[in-house]
Full PDB file with SEQRES, HELIX, SHEET, SSBOND, CRYST1, ORIGX, SCALE, CONECT and MASTER records, all heavy atoms in Angstrom:
SEQRES   1 A   29  ALA PHE ARG ASP ALA VAL ILE THR LEU ALA ARG GLU GLY          
SEQRES   2 A   29  GLY GLU LEU ASN VAL LEU SER SER GLY GLU LEU LEU LYS          
SEQRES   3 A   29  THR PHE ALA                                                  
HELIX    1 AA1 PHE A    2  ARG A   11  1                                  10    
HELIX    2 AA2 VAL A   18  PHE A   28  1                                  11    
CRYST1    1.000    1.000    1.000  90.00  90.00  90.00 P 1           1          
ORIGX1      1.000000  0.000000  0.000000        0.00000                         
ORIGX2      0.000000  1.000000  0.000000        0.00000                         
ORIGX3      0.000000  0.000000  1.000000        0.00000                         
SCALE1      1.000000  0.000000  0.000000        0.00000                         
SCALE2      0.000000  1.000000  0.000000        0.00000                         
SCALE3      0.000000  0.000000  1.000000        0.00000                         
ATOM      1  N   ALA A   1       2.883   9.108  -4.795  1.00  0.00           N  
ATOM      2  CA  ALA A   1       3.450   8.010  -4.069  1.00  0.00           C  
ATOM      3  C   ALA A   1       2.403   7.155  -3.265  1.00  0.00           C  
ATOM      4  O   ALA A   1       2.422   5.986  -3.301  1.00  0.00           O  
ATOM      5  CB  ALA A   1       4.456   8.543  -3.053  1.00  0.00           C  
ATOM      6  N   PHE A   2       1.376   7.920  -2.723  1.00  0.00           N  
ATOM      7  CA  PHE A   2       0.240   7.252  -2.105  1.00  0.00           C  
ATOM      8  C   PHE A   2      -0.535   6.389  -3.105  1.00  0.00           C  
ATOM      9  O   PHE A   2      -0.902   5.266  -2.832  1.00  0.00           O  
ATOM     10  CB  PHE A   2      -0.590   8.311  -1.338  1.00  0.00           C  
ATOM     11  CG  PHE A   2      -1.701   7.650  -0.634  1.00  0.00           C  
ATOM     12  CD1 PHE A   2      -1.567   6.777   0.290  1.00  0.00           C  
ATOM     13  CD2 PHE A   2      -3.130   8.023  -0.969  1.00  0.00           C  
ATOM     14  CE1 PHE A   2      -2.641   6.171   1.092  1.00  0.00           C  
ATOM     15  CE2 PHE A   2      -4.163   7.505  -0.269  1.00  0.00           C  
ATOM     16  CZ  PHE A   2      -3.959   6.565   0.734  1.00  0.00           C  
ATOM     17  N   ARG A   3      -0.846   7.085  -4.266  1.00  0.00           N  
ATOM     18  CA  ARG A   3      -1.495   6.285  -5.387  1.00  0.00           C  
ATOM     19  C   ARG A   3      -0.802   5.061  -5.738  1.00  0.00           C  
ATOM     20  O   ARG A   3      -1.328   3.960  -5.931  1.00  0.00           O  
ATOM     21  CB  ARG A   3      -1.804   7.239  -6.498  1.00  0.00           C  
ATOM     22  CG  ARG A   3      -2.617   6.468  -7.591  1.00  0.00           C  
ATOM     23  CD  ARG A   3      -2.875   7.482  -8.839  1.00  0.00           C  
ATOM     24  NE  ARG A   3      -3.887   8.361  -8.506  1.00  0.00           N  
ATOM     25  CZ  ARG A   3      -3.739   9.744  -8.346  1.00  0.00           C  
ATOM     26  NH1 ARG A   3      -2.542  10.197  -8.464  1.00  0.00           N  
ATOM     27  NH2 ARG A   3      -4.756  10.414  -8.072  1.00  0.00           N  
ATOM     28  N   ASP A   4       0.562   5.139  -5.880  1.00  0.00           N  
ATOM     29  CA  ASP A   4       1.308   3.972  -6.193  1.00  0.00           C  
ATOM     30  C   ASP A   4       1.295   2.915  -5.206  1.00  0.00           C  
ATOM     31  O   ASP A   4       1.158   1.754  -5.566  1.00  0.00           O  
ATOM     32  CB  ASP A   4       2.854   4.390  -6.472  1.00  0.00           C  
ATOM     33  CG  ASP A   4       3.150   5.305  -7.668  1.00  0.00           C  
ATOM     34  OD1 ASP A   4       2.192   5.299  -8.534  1.00  0.00           O  
ATOM     35  OD2 ASP A   4       4.207   5.798  -7.711  1.00  0.00           O  
ATOM     36  N   ALA A   5       1.261   3.189  -3.941  1.00  0.00           N  
ATOM     37  CA  ALA A   5       1.071   2.240  -2.855  1.00  0.00           C  
ATOM     38  C   ALA A   5      -0.324   1.626  -2.950  1.00  0.00           C  
ATOM     39  O   ALA A   5      -0.377   0.424  -2.703  1.00  0.00           O  
ATOM     40  CB  ALA A   5       1.257   2.832  -1.499  1.00  0.00           C  
ATOM     41  N   VAL A   6      -1.372   2.419  -3.214  1.00  0.00           N  
ATOM     42  CA  VAL A   6      -2.668   1.898  -3.445  1.00  0.00           C  
ATOM     43  C   VAL A   6      -2.734   0.956  -4.637  1.00  0.00           C  
ATOM     44  O   VAL A   6      -3.347  -0.183  -4.622  1.00  0.00           O  
ATOM     45  CB  VAL A   6      -3.653   3.003  -3.600  1.00  0.00           C  
ATOM     46  CG1 VAL A   6      -5.063   2.432  -4.002  1.00  0.00           C  
ATOM     47  CG2 VAL A   6      -3.831   3.752  -2.352  1.00  0.00           C  
ATOM     48  N   ILE A   7      -2.102   1.282  -5.748  1.00  0.00           N  
ATOM     49  CA  ILE A   7      -2.077   0.485  -6.962  1.00  0.00           C  
ATOM     50  C   ILE A   7      -1.337  -0.856  -6.618  1.00  0.00           C  
ATOM     51  O   ILE A   7      -1.865  -1.877  -7.039  1.00  0.00           O  
ATOM     52  CB  ILE A   7      -1.329   1.169  -8.085  1.00  0.00           C  
ATOM     53  CG1 ILE A   7      -2.205   2.305  -8.704  1.00  0.00           C  
ATOM     54  CG2 ILE A   7      -1.000   0.206  -9.214  1.00  0.00           C  
ATOM     55  CD1 ILE A   7      -1.448   3.269  -9.590  1.00  0.00           C  
ATOM     56  N   THR A   8      -0.260  -0.908  -5.924  1.00  0.00           N  
ATOM     57  CA  THR A   8       0.425  -2.088  -5.467  1.00  0.00           C  
ATOM     58  C   THR A   8      -0.437  -3.030  -4.735  1.00  0.00           C  
ATOM     59  O   THR A   8      -0.564  -4.231  -4.931  1.00  0.00           O  
ATOM     60  CB  THR A   8       1.698  -1.790  -4.781  1.00  0.00           C  
ATOM     61  OG1 THR A   8       2.622  -0.952  -5.610  1.00  0.00           O  
ATOM     62  CG2 THR A   8       2.409  -3.059  -4.293  1.00  0.00           C  
ATOM     63  N   LEU A   9      -1.167  -2.375  -3.772  1.00  0.00           N  
ATOM     64  CA  LEU A   9      -2.088  -3.126  -2.924  1.00  0.00           C  
ATOM     65  C   LEU A   9      -3.280  -3.731  -3.755  1.00  0.00           C  
ATOM     66  O   LEU A   9      -3.579  -4.880  -3.572  1.00  0.00           O  
ATOM     67  CB  LEU A   9      -2.670  -2.242  -1.829  1.00  0.00           C  
ATOM     68  CG  LEU A   9      -3.667  -2.958  -0.858  1.00  0.00           C  
ATOM     69  CD1 LEU A   9      -2.994  -4.104  -0.101  1.00  0.00           C  
ATOM     70  CD2 LEU A   9      -4.256  -1.879   0.103  1.00  0.00           C  
ATOM     71  N   ALA A  10      -3.745  -2.982  -4.788  1.00  0.00           N  
ATOM     72  CA  ALA A  10      -4.865  -3.464  -5.577  1.00  0.00           C  
ATOM     73  C   ALA A  10      -4.337  -4.653  -6.399  1.00  0.00           C  
ATOM     74  O   ALA A  10      -5.082  -5.614  -6.583  1.00  0.00           O  
ATOM     75  CB  ALA A  10      -5.288  -2.370  -6.435  1.00  0.00           C  
ATOM     76  N   ARG A  11      -3.102  -4.525  -6.970  1.00  0.00           N  
ATOM     77  CA  ARG A  11      -2.547  -5.674  -7.705  1.00  0.00           C  
ATOM     78  C   ARG A  11      -2.392  -6.932  -6.898  1.00  0.00           C  
ATOM     79  O   ARG A  11      -2.377  -8.037  -7.439  1.00  0.00           O  
ATOM     80  CB  ARG A  11      -1.188  -5.190  -8.289  1.00  0.00           C  
ATOM     81  CG  ARG A  11      -1.280  -4.263  -9.454  1.00  0.00           C  
ATOM     82  CD  ARG A  11       0.064  -3.945  -9.983  1.00  0.00           C  
ATOM     83  NE  ARG A  11      -0.150  -3.005 -11.113  1.00  0.00           N  
ATOM     84  CZ  ARG A  11       0.859  -2.073 -11.439  1.00  0.00           C  
ATOM     85  NH1 ARG A  11       1.986  -2.012 -10.774  1.00  0.00           N  
ATOM     86  NH2 ARG A  11       0.610  -1.265 -12.443  1.00  0.00           N  
ATOM     87  N   GLU A  12      -2.230  -6.789  -5.619  1.00  0.00           N  
ATOM     88  CA  GLU A  12      -2.021  -7.881  -4.741  1.00  0.00           C  
ATOM     89  C   GLU A  12      -3.397  -8.405  -4.140  1.00  0.00           C  
ATOM     90  O   GLU A  12      -3.551  -9.162  -3.223  1.00  0.00           O  
ATOM     91  CB  GLU A  12      -1.121  -7.520  -3.518  1.00  0.00           C  
ATOM     92  CG  GLU A  12       0.236  -7.254  -4.028  1.00  0.00           C  
ATOM     93  CD  GLU A  12       1.090  -6.673  -2.879  1.00  0.00           C  
ATOM     94  OE1 GLU A  12       0.721  -6.303  -1.818  1.00  0.00           O  
ATOM     95  OE2 GLU A  12       2.363  -6.568  -3.125  1.00  0.00           O  
ATOM     96  N   GLY A  13      -4.482  -7.943  -4.764  1.00  0.00           N  
ATOM     97  CA  GLY A  13      -5.835  -8.333  -4.358  1.00  0.00           C  
ATOM     98  C   GLY A  13      -6.275  -7.735  -3.137  1.00  0.00           C  
ATOM     99  O   GLY A  13      -7.197  -8.342  -2.416  1.00  0.00           O  
ATOM    100  N   GLY A  14      -5.655  -6.708  -2.605  1.00  0.00           N  
ATOM    101  CA  GLY A  14      -6.022  -6.100  -1.397  1.00  0.00           C  
ATOM    102  C   GLY A  14      -5.465  -6.679  -0.172  1.00  0.00           C  
ATOM    103  O   GLY A  14      -5.774  -6.448   1.020  1.00  0.00           O  
ATOM    104  N   GLU A  15      -4.578  -7.785  -0.421  1.00  0.00           N  
ATOM    105  CA  GLU A  15      -3.933  -8.520   0.619  1.00  0.00           C  
ATOM    106  C   GLU A  15      -2.893  -7.609   1.413  1.00  0.00           C  
ATOM    107  O   GLU A  15      -1.983  -7.153   0.844  1.00  0.00           O  
ATOM    108  CB  GLU A  15      -3.173  -9.698   0.158  1.00  0.00           C  
ATOM    109  CG  GLU A  15      -4.089 -10.763  -0.355  1.00  0.00           C  
ATOM    110  CD  GLU A  15      -4.894 -11.603   0.713  1.00  0.00           C  
ATOM    111  OE1 GLU A  15      -4.343 -11.697   1.812  1.00  0.00           O  
ATOM    112  OE2 GLU A  15      -5.819 -12.005   0.458  1.00  0.00           O  
ATOM    113  N   LEU A  16      -3.110  -7.393   2.756  1.00  0.00           N  
ATOM    114  CA  LEU A  16      -2.312  -6.575   3.578  1.00  0.00           C  
ATOM    115  C   LEU A  16      -1.215  -7.459   4.190  1.00  0.00           C  
ATOM    116  O   LEU A  16      -1.431  -8.574   4.505  1.00  0.00           O  
ATOM    117  CB  LEU A  16      -3.030  -5.940   4.672  1.00  0.00           C  
ATOM    118  CG  LEU A  16      -3.893  -4.724   4.271  1.00  0.00           C  
ATOM    119  CD1 LEU A  16      -4.829  -4.293   5.441  1.00  0.00           C  
ATOM    120  CD2 LEU A  16      -2.975  -3.570   3.967  1.00  0.00           C  
ATOM    121  N   ASN A  17      -0.018  -6.855   4.264  1.00  0.00           N  
ATOM    122  CA  ASN A  17       1.033  -7.445   4.977  1.00  0.00           C  
ATOM    123  C   ASN A  17       1.856  -6.317   5.643  1.00  0.00           C  
ATOM    124  O   ASN A  17       1.479  -5.110   5.368  1.00  0.00           O  
ATOM    125  CB  ASN A  17       1.997  -8.312   4.118  1.00  0.00           C  
ATOM    126  CG  ASN A  17       2.559  -7.478   2.960  1.00  0.00           C  
ATOM    127  OD1 ASN A  17       3.160  -6.507   3.170  1.00  0.00           O  
ATOM    128  ND2 ASN A  17       2.383  -8.029   1.815  1.00  0.00           N  
ATOM    129  N   VAL A  18       2.775  -6.533   6.496  1.00  0.00           N  
ATOM    130  CA  VAL A  18       3.492  -5.538   7.175  1.00  0.00           C  
ATOM    131  C   VAL A  18       4.140  -4.479   6.210  1.00  0.00           C  
ATOM    132  O   VAL A  18       4.138  -3.321   6.395  1.00  0.00           O  
ATOM    133  CB  VAL A  18       4.520  -6.157   8.129  1.00  0.00           C  
ATOM    134  CG1 VAL A  18       5.399  -5.109   8.829  1.00  0.00           C  
ATOM    135  CG2 VAL A  18       3.942  -7.143   9.069  1.00  0.00           C  
ATOM    136  N   LEU A  19       4.675  -4.945   5.053  1.00  0.00           N  
ATOM    137  CA  LEU A  19       5.304  -4.070   4.135  1.00  0.00           C  
ATOM    138  C   LEU A  19       4.376  -3.182   3.425  1.00  0.00           C  
ATOM    139  O   LEU A  19       4.470  -1.985   3.340  1.00  0.00           O  
ATOM    140  CB  LEU A  19       6.119  -4.827   3.100  1.00  0.00           C  
ATOM    141  CG  LEU A  19       7.320  -5.600   3.670  1.00  0.00           C  
ATOM    142  CD1 LEU A  19       7.968  -6.444   2.619  1.00  0.00           C  
ATOM    143  CD2 LEU A  19       8.282  -4.673   4.285  1.00  0.00           C  
ATOM    144  N   SER A  20       3.207  -3.773   2.984  1.00  0.00           N  
ATOM    145  CA  SER A  20       2.211  -2.944   2.234  1.00  0.00           C  
ATOM    146  C   SER A  20       1.535  -1.978   3.188  1.00  0.00           C  
ATOM    147  O   SER A  20       1.246  -0.840   2.781  1.00  0.00           O  
ATOM    148  CB  SER A  20       1.177  -3.833   1.504  1.00  0.00           C  
ATOM    149  OG  SER A  20       0.440  -4.623   2.436  1.00  0.00           O  
ATOM    150  N   SER A  21       1.208  -2.428   4.437  1.00  0.00           N  
ATOM    151  CA  SER A  21       0.504  -1.431   5.315  1.00  0.00           C  
ATOM    152  C   SER A  21       1.503  -0.386   5.769  1.00  0.00           C  
ATOM    153  O   SER A  21       1.111   0.843   5.841  1.00  0.00           O  
ATOM    154  CB  SER A  21       0.061  -2.214   6.604  1.00  0.00           C  
ATOM    155  OG  SER A  21       0.989  -2.701   7.379  1.00  0.00           O  
ATOM    156  N   GLY A  22       2.758  -0.710   5.851  1.00  0.00           N  
ATOM    157  CA  GLY A  22       3.765   0.316   6.218  1.00  0.00           C  
ATOM    158  C   GLY A  22       3.879   1.318   5.219  1.00  0.00           C  
ATOM    159  O   GLY A  22       4.052   2.550   5.430  1.00  0.00           O  
ATOM    160  N   GLU A  23       3.927   0.853   3.968  1.00  0.00           N  
ATOM    161  CA  GLU A  23       4.106   1.797   2.867  1.00  0.00           C  
ATOM    162  C   GLU A  23       2.822   2.744   2.741  1.00  0.00           C  
ATOM    163  O   GLU A  23       3.028   3.886   2.451  1.00  0.00           O  
ATOM    164  CB  GLU A  23       4.298   1.028   1.552  1.00  0.00           C  
ATOM    165  CG  GLU A  23       4.623   1.964   0.252  1.00  0.00           C  
ATOM    166  CD  GLU A  23       5.987   2.563   0.363  1.00  0.00           C  
ATOM    167  OE1 GLU A  23       6.854   2.198   1.214  1.00  0.00           O  
ATOM    168  OE2 GLU A  23       6.108   3.497  -0.385  1.00  0.00           O  
ATOM    169  N   LEU A  24       1.666   2.142   2.873  1.00  0.00           N  
ATOM    170  CA  LEU A  24       0.431   3.033   2.883  1.00  0.00           C  
ATOM    171  C   LEU A  24       0.481   4.023   3.929  1.00  0.00           C  
ATOM    172  O   LEU A  24       0.178   5.174   3.670  1.00  0.00           O  
ATOM    173  CB  LEU A  24      -0.772   2.011   2.966  1.00  0.00           C  
ATOM    174  CG  LEU A  24      -1.106   1.377   1.590  1.00  0.00           C  
ATOM    175  CD1 LEU A  24      -2.126   0.207   1.955  1.00  0.00           C  
ATOM    176  CD2 LEU A  24      -1.782   2.349   0.653  1.00  0.00           C  
ATOM    177  N   LEU A  25       0.887   3.607   5.168  1.00  0.00           N  
ATOM    178  CA  LEU A  25       0.863   4.617   6.300  1.00  0.00           C  
ATOM    179  C   LEU A  25       1.900   5.731   6.075  1.00  0.00           C  
ATOM    180  O   LEU A  25       1.591   6.823   6.286  1.00  0.00           O  
ATOM    181  CB  LEU A  25       1.201   3.792   7.598  1.00  0.00           C  
ATOM    182  CG  LEU A  25       0.161   2.864   8.094  1.00  0.00           C  
ATOM    183  CD1 LEU A  25       0.719   2.040   9.338  1.00  0.00           C  
ATOM    184  CD2 LEU A  25      -1.053   3.676   8.580  1.00  0.00           C  
ATOM    185  N   LYS A  26       3.024   5.372   5.531  1.00  0.00           N  
ATOM    186  CA  LYS A  26       4.102   6.339   5.262  1.00  0.00           C  
ATOM    187  C   LYS A  26       3.698   7.257   4.141  1.00  0.00           C  
ATOM    188  O   LYS A  26       3.699   8.488   4.375  1.00  0.00           O  
ATOM    189  CB  LYS A  26       5.390   5.605   4.805  1.00  0.00           C  
ATOM    190  CG  LYS A  26       6.550   6.560   4.511  1.00  0.00           C  
ATOM    191  CD  LYS A  26       7.815   5.768   4.118  1.00  0.00           C  
ATOM    192  CE  LYS A  26       7.586   5.111   2.747  1.00  0.00           C  
ATOM    193  NZ  LYS A  26       8.783   4.333   2.299  1.00  0.00           N  
ATOM    194  N   THR A  27       3.154   6.755   3.045  1.00  0.00           N  
ATOM    195  CA  THR A  27       2.760   7.677   1.939  1.00  0.00           C  
ATOM    196  C   THR A  27       1.537   8.409   2.333  1.00  0.00           C  
ATOM    197  O   THR A  27       1.377   9.585   1.825  1.00  0.00           O  
ATOM    198  CB  THR A  27       2.623   6.878   0.683  1.00  0.00           C  
ATOM    199  OG1 THR A  27       1.669   5.869   0.775  1.00  0.00           O  
ATOM    200  CG2 THR A  27       4.028   6.346   0.113  1.00  0.00           C  
ATOM    201  N   PHE A  28       0.672   7.852   3.076  1.00  0.00           N  
ATOM    202  CA  PHE A  28      -0.560   8.561   3.555  1.00  0.00           C  
ATOM    203  C   PHE A  28      -0.156   9.857   4.374  1.00  0.00           C  
ATOM    204  O   PHE A  28      -0.706  10.831   4.230  1.00  0.00           O  
ATOM    205  CB  PHE A  28      -1.512   7.741   4.260  1.00  0.00           C  
ATOM    206  CG  PHE A  28      -2.764   8.341   4.817  1.00  0.00           C  
ATOM    207  CD1 PHE A  28      -3.737   8.726   3.989  1.00  0.00           C  
ATOM    208  CD2 PHE A  28      -2.788   8.590   6.199  1.00  0.00           C  
ATOM    209  CE1 PHE A  28      -4.890   9.416   4.509  1.00  0.00           C  
ATOM    210  CE2 PHE A  28      -4.002   9.211   6.653  1.00  0.00           C  
ATOM    211  CZ  PHE A  28      -4.925   9.591   5.818  1.00  0.00           C  
ATOM    212  N   ALA A  29       0.807   9.674   5.305  1.00  0.00           N  
ATOM    213  CA  ALA A  29       1.356  10.710   6.128  1.00  0.00           C  
ATOM    214  C   ALA A  29       1.849  11.794   5.248  1.00  0.00           C  
ATOM    215  O   ALA A  29       1.651  12.957   5.495  1.00  0.00           O  
ATOM    216  CB  ALA A  29       2.373  10.120   7.118  1.00  0.00           C  
TER     217      ALA A  29                                                      
MASTER        0    0    0    2    0    0    0    6  216    1    0    3          
END                                                                             
């Protein structure tokens, strides 16, 4: 799940937003 969140972020060019950062924080935990 964490890897999937990282893949999504990479596909978005590393652009952070509230949804992507929230997903990374949740799956990282």
